[in-house]
Amino acid sequence: MSRVALSKKVRFEVFKRDKFECQYCGAHPPDVVLEVDHIISVRDGGSDDIENLITACFGCNRGKGAEDLTVLPQSLADKAAEVAEREEQISAYREIMQARLDRIEDDLWEVADVLQPKSSEEGLRRDWMRSIKRFNELLDHHEVMEAADIALTRKPFSAPQRFKYFCGICWNKIKAKDEGP
């Protein structure tokens, strides 16, 4: 009994359902040539019903041959649930990262307002902003605030001198931290 080839329409429907991706290894065109594979081989009584067909790359299909799979490929519903879970995780990660960026920004302006009052409203030099962010990364925020308070007390009249003094204090704290006790 000769086997009837699958129609192009059936093949296309299987490819479309499986998002033009090998269901065994995840490969997709143009890197591979896709084929339609029988989950239960025709030799073992598998039908040409679309539920028994799956998208496979040439290598995976030839590697599997007519062997029956002990574990069926992930169903589309399972894949959709997995994608939804990943999207939820990405969304939560983005929220956490945005909260971190917001905290870093708030810390920056808190220090800036000590060094140069009203800087959060009037602005601050970019190089000063980068330095403050760097110090907040390398030191605890309270240490950076302490350095800003000391600089304000010692150099109350000149913003540039106050900032240089603040930077010196911070670098000394970093150096002491790196050297240890």
C-alpha atoms as a PDB file:
ATOM      1  CA  MET A   1       0.000   0.000   0.000  1.00  0.00           C
ATOM      2  CA  SER A   2       1.512   3.300  -1.069  1.00  0.00           C
ATOM      3  CA  ARG A   3       1.472   6.314   1.198  1.00  0.00           C
ATOM      4  CA  VAL A   4      -0.303   9.488   0.098  1.00  0.00           C
ATOM      5  CA  ALA A   5       1.753  12.660   0.584  1.00  0.00           C
ATOM      6  CA  LEU A   6       0.337  15.374   2.805  1.00  0.00           C
ATOM      7  CA  SER A   7      -1.180  18.300   0.948  1.00  0.00           C
ATOM      8  CA  LYS A   8       0.576  21.660   0.945  1.00  0.00           C
ATOM      9  CA  LYS A   9      -2.415  23.115   2.780  1.00  0.00           C
ATOM     10  CA  VAL A  10      -2.107  20.605   5.647  1.00  0.00           C
ATOM     11  CA  ARG A  11       1.647  21.189   5.840  1.00  0.00           C
ATOM     12  CA  PHE A  12       1.139  24.943   5.957  1.00  0.00           C
ATOM     13  CA  GLU A  13      -1.527  24.623   8.685  1.00  0.00           C
ATOM     14  CA  VAL A  14       0.860  22.548  10.819  1.00  0.00           C
ATOM     15  CA  PHE A  15       3.705  25.060  10.263  1.00  0.00           C
ATOM     16  CA  LYS A  16       1.396  27.956  11.090  1.00  0.00           C
ATOM     17  CA  ARG A  17       0.072  26.284  14.259  1.00  0.00           C
ATOM     18  CA  ASP A  18       3.642  25.600  15.408  1.00  0.00           C
ATOM     19  CA  LYS A  19       4.758  29.142  14.523  1.00  0.00           C
ATOM     20  CA  PHE A  20       7.201  27.895  11.870  1.00  0.00           C
ATOM     21  CA  GLU A  21       9.474  26.473  14.580  1.00  0.00           C
ATOM     22  CA  CYS A  22      10.857  22.965  15.059  1.00  0.00           C
ATOM     23  CA  GLN A  23       8.994  21.595  18.048  1.00  0.00           C
ATOM     24  CA  TYR A  24      11.978  19.459  19.061  1.00  0.00           C
ATOM     25  CA  CYS A  25      14.866  21.937  19.005  1.00  0.00           C
ATOM     26  CA  GLY A  26      13.262  25.359  18.428  1.00  0.00           C
ATOM     27  CA  ALA A  27      15.088  26.053  15.147  1.00  0.00           C
ATOM     28  CA  HIS A  28      13.324  28.073  12.471  1.00  0.00           C
ATOM     29  CA  PRO A  29      13.906  29.279   8.896  1.00  0.00           C
ATOM     30  CA  PRO A  30      16.127  30.442   7.328  1.00  0.00           C
ATOM     31  CA  ASP A  31      18.546  28.424   9.486  1.00  0.00           C
ATOM     32  CA  VAL A  32      16.793  25.113   8.805  1.00  0.00           C
ATOM     33  CA  VAL A  33      14.378  23.469   6.400  1.00  0.00           C
ATOM     34  CA  LEU A  34      11.115  22.550   8.107  1.00  0.00           C
ATOM     35  CA  GLU A  35       9.181  19.348   7.550  1.00  0.00           C
ATOM     36  CA  VAL A  36       5.988  17.870   8.918  1.00  0.00           C
ATOM     37  CA  ASP A  37       6.581  14.877  11.176  1.00  0.00           C
ATOM     38  CA  HIS A  38       4.181  12.272  12.529  1.00  0.00           C
ATOM     39  CA  ILE A  39       4.131  12.112  16.326  1.00  0.00           C
ATOM     40  CA  ILE A  40       3.013   8.485  16.127  1.00  0.00           C
ATOM     41  CA  SER A  41       4.651   7.098  13.007  1.00  0.00           C
ATOM     42  CA  VAL A  42       2.563   5.805  10.134  1.00  0.00           C
ATOM     43  CA  ARG A  43       4.398   2.471  10.557  1.00  0.00           C
ATOM     44  CA  ASP A  44       2.938   2.252  14.092  1.00  0.00           C
ATOM     45  CA  GLY A  45      -0.565   3.167  12.967  1.00  0.00           C
ATOM     46  CA  GLY A  46      -0.327   6.945  13.251  1.00  0.00           C
ATOM     47  CA  SER A  47      -2.719   8.920  11.102  1.00  0.00           C
ATOM     48  CA  ASP A  48      -2.338  12.011   8.943  1.00  0.00           C
ATOM     49  CA  ASP A  49      -4.715  13.843  11.293  1.00  0.00           C
ATOM     50  CA  ILE A  50      -3.375  17.323  12.107  1.00  0.00           C
ATOM     51  CA  GLU A  51      -3.248  16.436  15.821  1.00  0.00           C
ATOM     52  CA  ASN A  52      -0.707  13.708  14.985  1.00  0.00           C
ATOM     53  CA  LEU A  53       1.441  16.078  12.933  1.00  0.00           C
ATOM     54  CA  ILE A  54       4.158  18.366  14.176  1.00  0.00           C
ATOM     55  CA  THR A  55       6.709  20.768  12.733  1.00  0.00           C
ATOM     56  CA  ALA A  56      10.274  19.426  12.768  1.00  0.00           C
ATOM     57  CA  CYS A  57      13.507  20.567  11.183  1.00  0.00           C
ATOM     58  CA  PHE A  58      15.198  18.235   8.721  1.00  0.00           C
ATOM     59  CA  GLY A  59      17.830  17.157  11.272  1.00  0.00           C
ATOM     60  CA  CYS A  60      15.400  16.380  14.085  1.00  0.00           C
ATOM     61  CA  ASN A  61      12.967  14.583  11.795  1.00  0.00           C
ATOM     62  CA  ARG A  62      15.706  12.403  10.316  1.00  0.00           C
ATOM     63  CA  GLY A  63      17.182  11.811  13.772  1.00  0.00           C
ATOM     64  CA  LYS A  64      13.850  10.664  15.161  1.00  0.00           C
ATOM     65  CA  GLY A  65      12.986   8.522  12.149  1.00  0.00           C
ATOM     66  CA  ALA A  66       9.958   6.305  12.701  1.00  0.00           C
ATOM     67  CA  GLU A  67      10.553   6.059  16.457  1.00  0.00           C
ATOM     68  CA  ASP A  68       7.615   6.852  18.686  1.00  0.00           C
ATOM     69  CA  LEU A  69       8.179   9.652  21.167  1.00  0.00           C
ATOM     70  CA  THR A  70       7.850   8.784  24.830  1.00  0.00           C
ATOM     71  CA  VAL A  71       7.260  12.441  25.645  1.00  0.00           C
ATOM     72  CA  LEU A  72       5.039  14.414  23.329  1.00  0.00           C
ATOM     73  CA  PRO A  73       6.175  17.895  22.415  1.00  0.00           C
ATOM     74  CA  GLN A  74       4.758  20.692  24.472  1.00  0.00           C
ATOM     75  CA  SER A  75       1.188  21.494  23.492  1.00  0.00           C
ATOM     76  CA  LEU A  76       0.272  24.935  22.252  1.00  0.00           C
ATOM     77  CA  ALA A  77      -1.707  25.601  25.443  1.00  0.00           C
ATOM     78  CA  ASP A  78       1.339  24.705  27.551  1.00  0.00           C
ATOM     79  CA  LYS A  79       3.508  26.950  25.398  1.00  0.00           C
ATOM     80  CA  ALA A  80       1.054  29.814  25.768  1.00  0.00           C
ATOM     81  CA  ALA A  81       1.073  29.373  29.546  1.00  0.00           C
ATOM     82  CA  GLU A  82       4.890  29.309  29.563  1.00  0.00           C
ATOM     83  CA  VAL A  83       5.061  32.477  27.444  1.00  0.00           C
ATOM     84  CA  ALA A  84       2.539  34.187  29.742  1.00  0.00           C
ATOM     85  CA  GLU A  85       4.654  33.216  32.781  1.00  0.00           C
ATOM     86  CA  ARG A  86       7.796  34.577  31.129  1.00  0.00           C
ATOM     87  CA  GLU A  87       6.021  37.821  30.269  1.00  0.00           C
ATOM     88  CA  GLU A  88       4.854  38.145  33.870  1.00  0.00           C
ATOM     89  CA  GLN A  89       8.402  37.588  35.110  1.00  0.00           C
ATOM     90  CA  ILE A  90       9.778  40.161  32.660  1.00  0.00           C
ATOM     91  CA  SER A  91       7.166  42.663  33.796  1.00  0.00           C
ATOM     92  CA  ALA A  92       8.038  42.081  37.469  1.00  0.00           C
ATOM     93  CA  TYR A  93      11.752  42.380  36.687  1.00  0.00           C
ATOM     94  CA  ARG A  94      11.178  45.675  34.883  1.00  0.00           C
ATOM     95  CA  GLU A  95       9.211  47.007  37.862  1.00  0.00           C
ATOM     96  CA  ILE A  96      12.053  46.093  40.214  1.00  0.00           C
ATOM     97  CA  MET A  97      14.660  47.665  37.931  1.00  0.00           C
ATOM     98  CA  GLN A  98      12.555  50.834  37.554  1.00  0.00           C
ATOM     99  CA  ALA A  99      12.194  51.069  41.338  1.00  0.00           C
ATOM    100  CA  ARG A 100      15.976  50.759  41.633  1.00  0.00           C
ATOM    101  CA  LEU A 101      16.510  53.519  39.053  1.00  0.00           C
ATOM    102  CA  ASP A 102      13.989  55.718  40.864  1.00  0.00           C
ATOM    103  CA  ARG A 103      15.803  55.138  44.169  1.00  0.00           C
ATOM    104  CA  ILE A 104      19.169  55.983  42.587  1.00  0.00           C
ATOM    105  CA  GLU A 105      17.675  59.165  41.135  1.00  0.00           C
ATOM    106  CA  ASP A 106      16.100  60.143  44.475  1.00  0.00           C
ATOM    107  CA  ASP A 107      19.390  59.505  46.290  1.00  0.00           C
ATOM    108  CA  LEU A 108      21.239  61.640  43.755  1.00  0.00           C
ATOM    109  CA  TRP A 109      18.928  64.620  44.207  1.00  0.00           C
ATOM    110  CA  GLU A 110      18.952  64.280  47.989  1.00  0.00           C
ATOM    111  CA  VAL A 111      22.746  64.651  47.990  1.00  0.00           C
ATOM    112  CA  ALA A 112      22.651  67.370  45.323  1.00  0.00           C
ATOM    113  CA  ASP A 113      20.202  69.465  47.344  1.00  0.00           C
ATOM    114  CA  VAL A 114      22.582  69.366  50.337  1.00  0.00           C
ATOM    115  CA  LEU A 115      25.574  70.383  48.221  1.00  0.00           C
ATOM    116  CA  GLN A 116      23.708  72.981  46.191  1.00  0.00           C
ATOM    117  CA  PRO A 117      20.291  73.874  47.639  1.00  0.00           C
ATOM    118  CA  LYS A 118      17.418  73.893  45.129  1.00  0.00           C
ATOM    119  CA  SER A 119      19.478  71.935  42.594  1.00  0.00           C
ATOM    120  CA  SER A 120      16.592  69.492  42.079  1.00  0.00           C
ATOM    121  CA  GLU A 121      14.534  72.426  40.774  1.00  0.00           C
ATOM    122  CA  GLU A 122      17.260  74.448  39.082  1.00  0.00           C
ATOM    123  CA  GLY A 123      19.413  71.631  37.749  1.00  0.00           C
ATOM    124  CA  LEU A 124      22.928  70.404  38.334  1.00  0.00           C
ATOM    125  CA  ARG A 125      26.011  69.993  36.182  1.00  0.00           C
ATOM    126  CA  ARG A 126      26.079  66.602  34.462  1.00  0.00           C
ATOM    127  CA  ASP A 127      29.600  65.797  35.626  1.00  0.00           C
ATOM    128  CA  TRP A 128      28.519  66.467  39.215  1.00  0.00           C
ATOM    129  CA  MET A 129      25.489  64.222  38.737  1.00  0.00           C
ATOM    130  CA  ARG A 130      27.685  61.385  37.411  1.00  0.00           C
ATOM    131  CA  SER A 131      30.056  61.769  40.362  1.00  0.00           C
ATOM    132  CA  ILE A 132      27.259  61.691  42.928  1.00  0.00           C
ATOM    133  CA  LYS A 133      25.734  58.588  41.283  1.00  0.00           C
ATOM    134  CA  ARG A 134      29.145  56.909  41.310  1.00  0.00           C
ATOM    135  CA  PHE A 135      29.673  57.692  44.991  1.00  0.00           C
ATOM    136  CA  ASN A 136      26.201  56.327  45.778  1.00  0.00           C
ATOM    137  CA  GLU A 137      27.191  53.102  43.985  1.00  0.00           C
ATOM    138  CA  LEU A 138      30.489  52.753  45.846  1.00  0.00           C
ATOM    139  CA  LEU A 139      29.394  53.880  49.315  1.00  0.00           C
ATOM    140  CA  ASP A 140      26.320  53.581  51.499  1.00  0.00           C
ATOM    141  CA  HIS A 141      23.942  56.452  50.874  1.00  0.00           C
ATOM    142  CA  HIS A 142      24.247  57.700  54.462  1.00  0.00           C
ATOM    143  CA  GLU A 143      28.037  57.971  53.997  1.00  0.00           C
ATOM    144  CA  VAL A 144      27.551  60.091  50.886  1.00  0.00           C
ATOM    145  CA  MET A 145      25.029  62.281  52.727  1.00  0.00           C
ATOM    146  CA  GLU A 146      27.493  62.657  55.609  1.00  0.00           C
ATOM    147  CA  ALA A 147      30.199  63.766  53.134  1.00  0.00           C
ATOM    148  CA  ALA A 148      27.791  66.313  51.630  1.00  0.00           C
ATOM    149  CA  ASP A 149      26.919  67.678  55.104  1.00  0.00           C
ATOM    150  CA  ILE A 150      30.614  68.006  56.011  1.00  0.00           C
ATOM    151  CA  ALA A 151      31.385  69.754  52.709  1.00  0.00           C
ATOM    152  CA  LEU A 152      28.493  72.182  53.221  1.00  0.00           C
ATOM    153  CA  THR A 153      29.704  72.988  56.744  1.00  0.00           C
ATOM    154  CA  ARG A 154      33.336  73.502  55.721  1.00  0.00           C
ATOM    155  CA  LYS A 155      32.800  75.242  52.349  1.00  0.00           C
ATOM    156  CA  PRO A 156      29.464  77.075  52.667  1.00  0.00           C
ATOM    157  CA  PHE A 157      30.090  79.910  50.166  1.00  0.00           C
ATOM    158  CA  SER A 158      31.555  78.341  47.013  1.00  0.00           C
ATOM    159  CA  ALA A 159      29.652  75.564  45.248  1.00  0.00           C
ATOM    160  CA  PRO A 160      32.650  74.423  43.122  1.00  0.00           C
ATOM    161  CA  GLN A 161      34.981  74.305  46.166  1.00  0.00           C
ATOM    162  CA  ARG A 162      32.282  72.558  48.205  1.00  0.00           C
ATOM    163  CA  PHE A 163      31.829  69.948  45.471  1.00  0.00           C
ATOM    164  CA  LYS A 164      35.594  69.303  45.195  1.00  0.00           C
ATOM    165  CA  TYR A 165      35.790  68.954  48.963  1.00  0.00           C
ATOM    166  CA  PHE A 166      32.804  66.574  48.907  1.00  0.00           C
ATOM    167  CA  CYS A 167      34.511  64.458  46.214  1.00  0.00           C
ATOM    168  CA  GLY A 168      37.710  64.307  48.275  1.00  0.00           C
ATOM    169  CA  ILE A 169      35.788  63.104  51.318  1.00  0.00           C
ATOM    170  CA  CYS A 170      34.017  60.433  49.282  1.00  0.00           C
ATOM    171  CA  TRP A 171      37.231  59.200  47.646  1.00  0.00           C
ATOM    172  CA  ASN A 172      38.899  59.004  51.069  1.00  0.00           C
ATOM    173  CA  LYS A 173      35.942  56.929  52.347  1.00  0.00           C
ATOM    174  CA  ILE A 174      36.216  54.633  49.311  1.00  0.00           C
ATOM    175  CA  LYS A 175      39.977  54.268  49.774  1.00  0.00           C
ATOM    176  CA  ALA A 176      39.539  53.474  53.487  1.00  0.00           C
ATOM    177  CA  LYS A 177      36.823  50.936  52.643  1.00  0.00           C
ATOM    178  CA  ASP A 178      39.059  49.236  50.031  1.00  0.00           C
ATOM    179  CA  GLU A 179      42.039  49.067  52.430  1.00  0.00           C
ATOM    180  CA  GLY A 180      39.929  47.541  55.178  1.00  0.00           C
ATOM    181  CA  PRO A 181      40.605  47.674  58.933  1.00  0.00           C
END
